[in-house]
Protein backbone atom coordinates (compact mmCIF):
# COMPACT_ATOMS: atom_id res chain seq x y z
CA UNK A 1 1.65 7.55 6.65
CA UNK A 2 3.97 9.16 9.19
CA UNK A 3 0.88 10.57 10.94
CA UNK A 4 -0.58 7.08 11.39
CA UNK A 5 2.70 5.82 12.84
CA UNK A 6 2.89 8.80 15.22
CA UNK A 7 -0.72 8.21 16.27
CA UNK A 8 0.26 4.64 17.20
CA UNK A 9 2.63 5.82 19.95
CA UNK A 10 0.30 8.51 21.24
CA UNK A 11 -2.70 6.18 21.46
CA UNK A 12 -0.69 3.45 23.18
CA UNK A 13 0.56 5.91 25.79
CA UNK A 14 -3.01 7.01 26.41
CA UNK A 15 -4.32 3.42 26.54
CA UNK A 16 -6.85 4.18 23.81
CA UNK A 17 -7.59 0.68 22.51
CA UNK A 18 -10.79 1.68 20.68
CA UNK A 19 -9.06 4.55 18.88
CA UNK A 20 -6.05 2.36 18.05
CA UNK A 21 -8.11 -0.50 16.58
CA UNK A 22 -8.73 1.09 13.14
CA UNK A 23 -4.97 1.45 12.65
CA UNK A 24 -4.52 -2.33 12.87
CA UNK A 25 -5.49 -4.76 10.11
CA UNK A 26 -7.65 -7.67 11.23
CA UNK A 27 -4.76 -10.06 10.57
CA UNK A 28 -2.09 -7.86 12.24
CA UNK A 29 0.64 -9.72 14.11
CA UNK A 30 3.10 -8.34 16.64
CA UNK A 31 6.31 -10.27 17.24
CA UNK A 32 7.74 -9.21 20.60
CA UNK A 33 11.43 -8.93 21.39
CA UNK A 34 11.26 -12.21 23.34
CA UNK A 35 9.78 -14.08 20.35
CA UNK A 36 6.17 -14.14 21.52
CA UNK A 37 3.56 -13.50 18.83
CA UNK A 38 0.49 -11.49 19.67
CA UNK A 39 -2.63 -11.14 17.53
CA UNK A 40 -4.68 -7.98 17.13
CA UNK A 41 -7.50 -8.93 19.52
CA UNK A 42 -5.07 -9.98 22.26
CA UNK A 43 -3.02 -6.80 21.98
CA UNK A 44 -6.09 -4.56 22.04
CA UNK A 45 -7.45 -6.46 25.07
CA UNK A 46 -4.14 -6.02 26.90
CA UNK A 47 -4.12 -2.33 26.05
CA UNK A 48 -7.68 -1.93 27.33
CA UNK A 49 -7.00 -3.73 30.63
CA UNK A 50 -3.54 -2.12 30.98
CA UNK A 51 -1.37 -4.78 32.69
CA UNK A 52 1.45 -2.83 31.03
CA UNK A 53 1.21 0.94 31.06
CA UNK A 54 3.71 2.74 28.90
CA UNK A 55 4.94 5.98 30.43
CA UNK A 56 7.35 6.77 27.59
CA UNK A 57 7.48 5.89 23.90
CA UNK A 58 9.86 8.00 21.89
CA UNK A 59 11.04 7.07 18.42
CA UNK A 60 14.54 7.83 17.13
CA UNK A 61 16.24 7.29 13.78
CA UNK A 62 12.91 6.71 12.07
CA UNK A 63 13.08 5.81 8.40
CA UNK A 64 10.00 5.39 6.21
CA UNK A 65 10.30 3.61 2.89
CA UNK A 66 7.24 3.48 0.68
CA UNK A 67 6.62 0.88 -2.01
CA UNK A 68 3.33 1.79 -3.66
CA UNK A 69 0.56 1.03 -1.18
CA UNK A 70 3.00 -0.46 1.34
CA UNK A 71 5.32 1.35 3.74
CA UNK A 72 8.05 -0.06 5.95
CA UNK A 73 8.95 1.98 9.02
CA UNK A 74 12.13 1.23 10.96
CA UNK A 75 13.71 2.94 13.92
CA UNK A 76 14.54 2.80 17.60
CA UNK A 77 11.88 3.06 20.29
CA UNK A 78 12.91 4.33 23.72
CA UNK A 79 10.32 3.05 26.19
CA UNK A 80 9.47 3.05 29.85
CA UNK A 81 6.53 1.25 31.41
CA UNK A 82 4.99 -0.37 34.43
CA UNK A 83 4.46 -4.03 33.62
CA UNK A 84 2.32 -5.83 36.22
CA UNK A 85 3.36 -3.07 38.63
CA UNK A 86 7.09 -3.46 37.97
CA UNK A 87 9.02 -0.62 36.30
CA UNK A 88 10.66 -1.40 32.98
CA UNK A 89 12.66 0.62 30.50
CA UNK A 90 14.61 -0.14 27.38
CA UNK A 91 15.50 0.56 23.80
CA UNK A 92 14.14 -1.55 20.96
CA UNK A 93 14.73 -1.64 17.22
CA UNK A 94 11.44 -1.94 15.40
CA UNK A 95 10.05 -2.74 11.99
CA UNK A 96 6.45 -1.85 11.16
CA UNK A 97 4.69 -2.68 7.92
CA UNK A 98 1.76 -0.51 6.84
CA UNK A 99 -0.61 -1.01 3.89
CA UNK A 100 -2.86 1.65 2.36
CA UNK A 101 -6.40 0.23 2.19
CA UNK A 102 -9.48 2.15 1.09
CA UNK A 103 -7.75 5.47 1.68
CA UNK A 104 -6.32 4.76 5.15
CA UNK A 105 -3.11 3.25 6.46
CA UNK A 106 -3.31 0.04 8.47
CA UNK A 107 -0.50 -1.79 10.16
CA UNK A 108 -0.23 -5.44 9.10
CA UNK A 109 2.93 -6.51 10.95
CA UNK A 110 5.21 -5.27 13.74
CA UNK A 111 8.44 -6.64 15.16
CA UNK A 112 10.81 -5.42 17.87
CA UNK A 113 14.23 -6.50 19.08
CA UNK A 114 15.56 -5.36 22.44
CA UNK A 115 18.89 -3.53 22.27
CA UNK A 116 21.55 -4.34 24.82
CA UNK A 117 22.26 -1.50 27.28
CA UNK A 118 25.25 0.64 26.36
CA UNK A 119 27.64 2.62 28.50
CA UNK A 120 29.05 2.04 31.97
């Protein structure tokens, strides 16, 4: 399960929409930190066309809790990106829900909340 979650970050950094697709359930939903909801097809299309190109995606404080064929992954994601040509960076708390189906893990839901900057 941890390998599938790690592959998620690596494939997003590389912009590998086709390789990422099998990790996402057909009904997968992503709730962004600003409240927008994105469906699987829309997210994969955006990844393929790359209006936002992640240059960093590091996870911290990752915790995986498994409940039979379901796993909930929580942690902090430290990200940097170019979004429509503009640089962006931030820290987000995330929750990812994975389900084991026919011998492979698929993500069924994702949510992120932007953390306020800390320090001076």
